[in-house]
Amino acid sequence: MSTKAKKILEKLNKGPLTFGELIYSIRMGDEYSQVSFAELLGISKSHLCDIEKGRKKVSPQKAAEYAKILGYSPEQLIKLAIQDDLLRSGLAYKVEVRAS
């Protein structure tokens, strides 16, 4: 995802983009139903719904797996997964992720 696209999504969201919001945006942009998108990711529809709503966290490993399936940069999805975890913990840190 480009920086410009991320800024647009953050503006629409009125705040920082979360992992779930990005997944939802990808699903809607590609016109997938929750059922078909969940099948693509290898998870249940209810699990996808929980991810999109921020009720379930996603590990960095799963974020990388989803990125590969969806054709996105693993760094982007891993960063958001880690950032979400920090926010849930009440820690005000900003995450940067780079492949080594």
N, C-alpha and C. Protein backbone atom coordinates (compact mmCIF):
# COMPACT_ATOMS: atom_id res chain seq x y z
N MET A 1 0.84 -1.16 0.00
CA MET A 1 0.00 0.00 0.00
C MET A 1 0.90 1.23 0.00
N SER A 2 0.54 2.18 -0.78
CA SER A 2 1.32 3.40 -0.86
C SER A 2 1.09 4.27 0.36
N THR A 3 2.03 5.16 0.60
CA THR A 3 1.89 6.11 1.71
C THR A 3 0.66 6.99 1.52
N LYS A 4 0.40 7.36 0.28
CA LYS A 4 -0.76 8.19 -0.03
C LYS A 4 -2.06 7.46 0.33
N ALA A 5 -2.15 6.18 -0.04
CA ALA A 5 -3.34 5.40 0.27
C ALA A 5 -3.52 5.27 1.78
N LYS A 6 -2.41 5.05 2.50
CA LYS A 6 -2.47 4.93 3.95
C LYS A 6 -2.98 6.23 4.57
N LYS A 7 -2.50 7.36 4.09
CA LYS A 7 -2.93 8.66 4.61
C LYS A 7 -4.42 8.88 4.37
N ILE A 8 -4.90 8.48 3.21
CA ILE A 8 -6.32 8.61 2.90
C ILE A 8 -7.14 7.76 3.85
N LEU A 9 -6.72 6.51 4.07
CA LEU A 9 -7.44 5.62 4.98
C LEU A 9 -7.42 6.17 6.41
N GLU A 10 -6.28 6.72 6.83
CA GLU A 10 -6.19 7.29 8.18
C GLU A 10 -7.09 8.52 8.31
N LYS A 11 -7.19 9.30 7.26
CA LYS A 11 -8.07 10.47 7.29
C LYS A 11 -9.53 10.03 7.39
N LEU A 12 -9.90 9.03 6.61
CA LEU A 12 -11.27 8.51 6.66
C LEU A 12 -11.57 7.91 8.03
N ASN A 13 -10.57 7.27 8.62
CA ASN A 13 -10.72 6.62 9.92
C ASN A 13 -10.64 7.62 11.07
N LYS A 14 -10.15 8.81 10.80
CA LYS A 14 -9.93 9.84 11.81
C LYS A 14 -8.93 9.39 12.87
N GLY A 15 -7.90 8.72 12.42
CA GLY A 15 -6.85 8.27 13.32
C GLY A 15 -5.97 7.24 12.66
N PRO A 16 -5.00 6.71 13.43
CA PRO A 16 -4.08 5.72 12.86
C PRO A 16 -4.81 4.48 12.35
N LEU A 17 -4.32 3.94 11.28
CA LEU A 17 -4.87 2.74 10.67
C LEU A 17 -4.53 1.52 11.51
N THR A 18 -5.50 0.67 11.75
CA THR A 18 -5.26 -0.57 12.48
C THR A 18 -5.17 -1.74 11.49
N PHE A 19 -4.68 -2.87 11.97
CA PHE A 19 -4.58 -4.06 11.14
C PHE A 19 -5.97 -4.44 10.61
N GLY A 20 -6.94 -4.47 11.51
CA GLY A 20 -8.30 -4.87 11.12
C GLY A 20 -8.91 -3.95 10.09
N GLU A 21 -8.67 -2.64 10.24
CA GLU A 21 -9.20 -1.69 9.27
C GLU A 21 -8.55 -1.85 7.91
N LEU A 22 -7.26 -2.17 7.90
CA LEU A 22 -6.60 -2.40 6.62
C LEU A 22 -7.16 -3.65 5.94
N ILE A 23 -7.32 -4.71 6.71
CA ILE A 23 -7.88 -5.96 6.16
C ILE A 23 -9.28 -5.70 5.60
N TYR A 24 -10.08 -4.97 6.36
CA TYR A 24 -11.43 -4.63 5.90
C TYR A 24 -11.36 -3.82 4.59
N SER A 25 -10.47 -2.84 4.54
CA SER A 25 -10.32 -2.01 3.34
C SER A 25 -9.90 -2.82 2.13
N ILE A 26 -8.96 -3.74 2.34
CA ILE A 26 -8.52 -4.62 1.24
C ILE A 26 -9.69 -5.46 0.77
N ARG A 27 -10.42 -6.06 1.72
CA ARG A 27 -11.56 -6.92 1.36
C ARG A 27 -12.61 -6.15 0.58
N MET A 28 -12.94 -4.96 1.06
CA MET A 28 -13.97 -4.17 0.38
C MET A 28 -13.47 -3.68 -0.98
N GLY A 29 -12.22 -3.26 -1.05
CA GLY A 29 -11.66 -2.78 -2.32
C GLY A 29 -11.62 -3.87 -3.38
N ASP A 30 -11.39 -5.10 -2.95
CA ASP A 30 -11.35 -6.22 -3.89
C ASP A 30 -12.71 -6.89 -4.05
N GLU A 31 -13.72 -6.33 -3.38
CA GLU A 31 -15.12 -6.77 -3.48
C GLU A 31 -15.31 -8.23 -3.10
N TYR A 32 -14.70 -8.63 -1.98
CA TYR A 32 -14.90 -9.97 -1.43
C TYR A 32 -15.97 -9.93 -0.36
N SER A 33 -16.74 -11.00 -0.26
CA SER A 33 -17.63 -11.17 0.89
C SER A 33 -16.76 -11.61 2.06
N GLN A 34 -17.29 -11.52 3.26
CA GLN A 34 -16.53 -12.00 4.42
C GLN A 34 -16.25 -13.50 4.28
N VAL A 35 -17.20 -14.24 3.80
CA VAL A 35 -17.03 -15.69 3.67
C VAL A 35 -15.90 -16.02 2.70
N SER A 36 -15.92 -15.43 1.51
CA SER A 36 -14.90 -15.76 0.52
C SER A 36 -13.52 -15.25 0.94
N PHE A 37 -13.46 -14.08 1.59
CA PHE A 37 -12.18 -13.54 2.04
C PHE A 37 -11.61 -14.40 3.17
N ALA A 38 -12.47 -14.83 4.07
CA ALA A 38 -12.04 -15.71 5.16
C ALA A 38 -11.49 -17.02 4.59
N GLU A 39 -12.16 -17.57 3.60
CA GLU A 39 -11.68 -18.80 2.96
C GLU A 39 -10.31 -18.57 2.32
N LEU A 40 -10.12 -17.44 1.68
CA LEU A 40 -8.84 -17.10 1.07
C LEU A 40 -7.72 -17.08 2.12
N LEU A 41 -8.02 -16.53 3.28
CA LEU A 41 -7.02 -16.44 4.36
C LEU A 41 -6.90 -17.73 5.17
N GLY A 42 -7.84 -18.66 4.98
CA GLY A 42 -7.80 -19.92 5.71
C GLY A 42 -8.31 -19.81 7.13
N ILE A 43 -9.26 -18.89 7.35
CA ILE A 43 -9.84 -18.71 8.68
C ILE A 43 -11.36 -18.71 8.58
N SER A 44 -12.04 -18.73 9.71
CA SER A 44 -13.50 -18.71 9.70
C SER A 44 -14.00 -17.29 9.48
N LYS A 45 -15.26 -17.19 9.05
CA LYS A 45 -15.89 -15.88 8.85
C LYS A 45 -15.93 -15.12 10.18
N SER A 46 -16.24 -15.80 11.26
CA SER A 46 -16.33 -15.11 12.55
C SER A 46 -14.96 -14.62 13.01
N HIS A 47 -13.90 -15.39 12.72
CA HIS A 47 -12.55 -14.95 13.08
C HIS A 47 -12.18 -13.71 12.27
N LEU A 48 -12.51 -13.70 10.98
CA LEU A 48 -12.25 -12.53 10.14
C LEU A 48 -13.00 -11.32 10.67
N CYS A 49 -14.25 -11.49 11.03
CA CYS A 49 -15.05 -10.40 11.58
C CYS A 49 -14.39 -9.85 12.85
N ASP A 50 -13.92 -10.75 13.72
CA ASP A 50 -13.25 -10.31 14.95
C ASP A 50 -11.96 -9.55 14.65
N ILE A 51 -11.22 -9.97 13.63
CA ILE A 51 -10.00 -9.25 13.23
C ILE A 51 -10.37 -7.86 12.71
N GLU A 52 -11.34 -7.80 11.81
CA GLU A 52 -11.75 -6.52 11.23
C GLU A 52 -12.24 -5.54 12.29
N LYS A 53 -12.91 -6.03 13.31
CA LYS A 53 -13.46 -5.17 14.37
C LYS A 53 -12.46 -4.91 15.50
N GLY A 54 -11.26 -5.49 15.40
CA GLY A 54 -10.25 -5.27 16.41
C GLY A 54 -10.43 -6.08 17.68
N ARG A 55 -11.29 -7.10 17.63
CA ARG A 55 -11.53 -7.94 18.80
C ARG A 55 -10.51 -9.07 18.94
N LYS A 56 -9.86 -9.41 17.84
CA LYS A 56 -8.81 -10.44 17.84
C LYS A 56 -7.53 -9.84 17.32
N LYS A 57 -6.43 -10.15 18.00
CA LYS A 57 -5.15 -9.67 17.50
C LYS A 57 -4.55 -10.71 16.56
N VAL A 58 -3.65 -10.25 15.73
CA VAL A 58 -2.99 -11.09 14.75
C VAL A 58 -1.50 -11.08 15.04
N SER A 59 -0.90 -12.25 15.09
CA SER A 59 0.54 -12.34 15.35
C SER A 59 1.33 -11.83 14.15
N PRO A 60 2.56 -11.41 14.37
CA PRO A 60 3.39 -10.99 13.24
C PRO A 60 3.54 -12.11 12.20
N GLN A 61 3.61 -13.36 12.66
CA GLN A 61 3.73 -14.49 11.73
C GLN A 61 2.50 -14.61 10.84
N LYS A 62 1.31 -14.48 11.44
CA LYS A 62 0.07 -14.55 10.65
C LYS A 62 -0.05 -13.34 9.73
N ALA A 63 0.37 -12.19 10.21
CA ALA A 63 0.33 -10.98 9.38
C ALA A 63 1.18 -11.19 8.12
N ALA A 64 2.36 -11.78 8.30
CA ALA A 64 3.23 -12.06 7.15
C ALA A 64 2.58 -13.07 6.20
N GLU A 65 1.94 -14.07 6.77
CA GLU A 65 1.25 -15.08 5.96
C GLU A 65 0.11 -14.44 5.15
N TYR A 66 -0.69 -13.60 5.81
CA TYR A 66 -1.79 -12.93 5.12
C TYR A 66 -1.26 -12.01 4.02
N ALA A 67 -0.17 -11.32 4.29
CA ALA A 67 0.43 -10.43 3.29
C ALA A 67 0.81 -11.21 2.04
N LYS A 68 1.41 -12.38 2.23
CA LYS A 68 1.81 -13.21 1.09
C LYS A 68 0.59 -13.65 0.29
N ILE A 69 -0.45 -14.08 0.99
CA ILE A 69 -1.68 -14.52 0.32
C ILE A 69 -2.30 -13.38 -0.48
N LEU A 70 -2.29 -12.19 0.11
CA LEU A 70 -2.97 -11.04 -0.50
C LEU A 70 -2.10 -10.25 -1.48
N GLY A 71 -0.81 -10.57 -1.52
CA GLY A 71 0.10 -9.88 -2.42
C GLY A 71 0.52 -8.51 -1.92
N TYR A 72 0.57 -8.34 -0.61
CA TYR A 72 0.99 -7.08 0.00
C TYR A 72 2.35 -7.24 0.65
N SER A 73 2.96 -6.13 0.96
CA SER A 73 4.25 -6.12 1.63
C SER A 73 4.11 -6.69 3.04
N PRO A 74 4.89 -7.72 3.39
CA PRO A 74 4.81 -8.26 4.75
C PRO A 74 5.12 -7.20 5.80
N GLU A 75 6.05 -6.29 5.50
CA GLU A 75 6.43 -5.26 6.47
C GLU A 75 5.23 -4.42 6.89
N GLN A 76 4.36 -4.08 5.93
CA GLN A 76 3.20 -3.25 6.24
C GLN A 76 2.26 -3.94 7.22
N LEU A 77 1.94 -5.20 6.93
CA LEU A 77 0.99 -5.90 7.78
C LEU A 77 1.61 -6.28 9.13
N ILE A 78 2.88 -6.66 9.13
CA ILE A 78 3.56 -6.98 10.39
C ILE A 78 3.60 -5.74 11.28
N LYS A 79 3.93 -4.60 10.69
CA LYS A 79 3.99 -3.35 11.44
C LYS A 79 2.66 -3.05 12.11
N LEU A 80 1.57 -3.17 11.37
CA LEU A 80 0.25 -2.88 11.94
C LEU A 80 -0.12 -3.88 13.03
N ALA A 81 0.24 -5.16 12.85
CA ALA A 81 -0.07 -6.17 13.86
C ALA A 81 0.66 -5.85 15.17
N ILE A 82 1.93 -5.49 15.07
CA ILE A 82 2.70 -5.15 16.26
C ILE A 82 2.19 -3.84 16.88
N GLN A 83 1.91 -2.86 16.03
CA GLN A 83 1.40 -1.57 16.52
C GLN A 83 0.09 -1.75 17.28
N ASP A 84 -0.81 -2.57 16.75
CA ASP A 84 -2.08 -2.84 17.44
C ASP A 84 -1.84 -3.44 18.81
N ASP A 85 -0.90 -4.37 18.90
CA ASP A 85 -0.59 -5.02 20.17
C ASP A 85 -0.08 -3.99 21.19
N LEU A 86 0.79 -3.09 20.75
CA LEU A 86 1.29 -2.05 21.64
C LEU A 86 0.17 -1.13 22.11
N LEU A 87 -0.71 -0.73 21.21
CA LEU A 87 -1.82 0.14 21.58
C LEU A 87 -2.75 -0.53 22.58
N ARG A 88 -3.01 -1.83 22.38
CA ARG A 88 -3.85 -2.58 23.32
C ARG A 88 -3.22 -2.63 24.71
N SER A 89 -1.90 -2.61 24.74
CA SER A 89 -1.18 -2.66 26.00
C SER A 89 -1.04 -1.28 26.65
N GLY A 90 -1.51 -0.26 25.97
CA GLY A 90 -1.42 1.09 26.49
C GLY A 90 -0.04 1.71 26.36
N LEU A 91 0.78 1.16 25.48
CA LEU A 91 2.13 1.66 25.27
C LEU A 91 2.18 2.57 24.05
N ALA A 92 2.59 3.79 24.26
CA ALA A 92 2.60 4.80 23.19
C ALA A 92 3.94 4.78 22.46
N TYR A 93 4.15 3.75 21.66
CA TYR A 93 5.36 3.63 20.86
C TYR A 93 4.96 3.52 19.39
N LYS A 94 5.85 3.96 18.54
CA LYS A 94 5.63 3.85 17.09
C LYS A 94 6.57 2.78 16.56
N VAL A 95 6.04 1.88 15.76
CA VAL A 95 6.78 0.74 15.25
C VAL A 95 7.29 1.01 13.84
N GLU A 96 8.52 0.64 13.59
CA GLU A 96 9.09 0.64 12.25
C GLU A 96 9.60 -0.78 11.99
N VAL A 97 9.29 -1.32 10.83
CA VAL A 97 9.68 -2.70 10.50
C VAL A 97 10.42 -2.68 9.18
N ARG A 98 11.59 -3.33 9.17
CA ARG A 98 12.37 -3.48 7.93
C ARG A 98 12.87 -4.92 7.85
N ALA A 99 12.88 -5.45 6.66
CA ALA A 99 13.44 -6.79 6.44
C ALA A 99 14.95 -6.72 6.61
N SER A 100 15.50 -7.78 7.19
CA SER A 100 16.96 -7.77 7.36
C SER A 100 17.64 -8.57 6.28
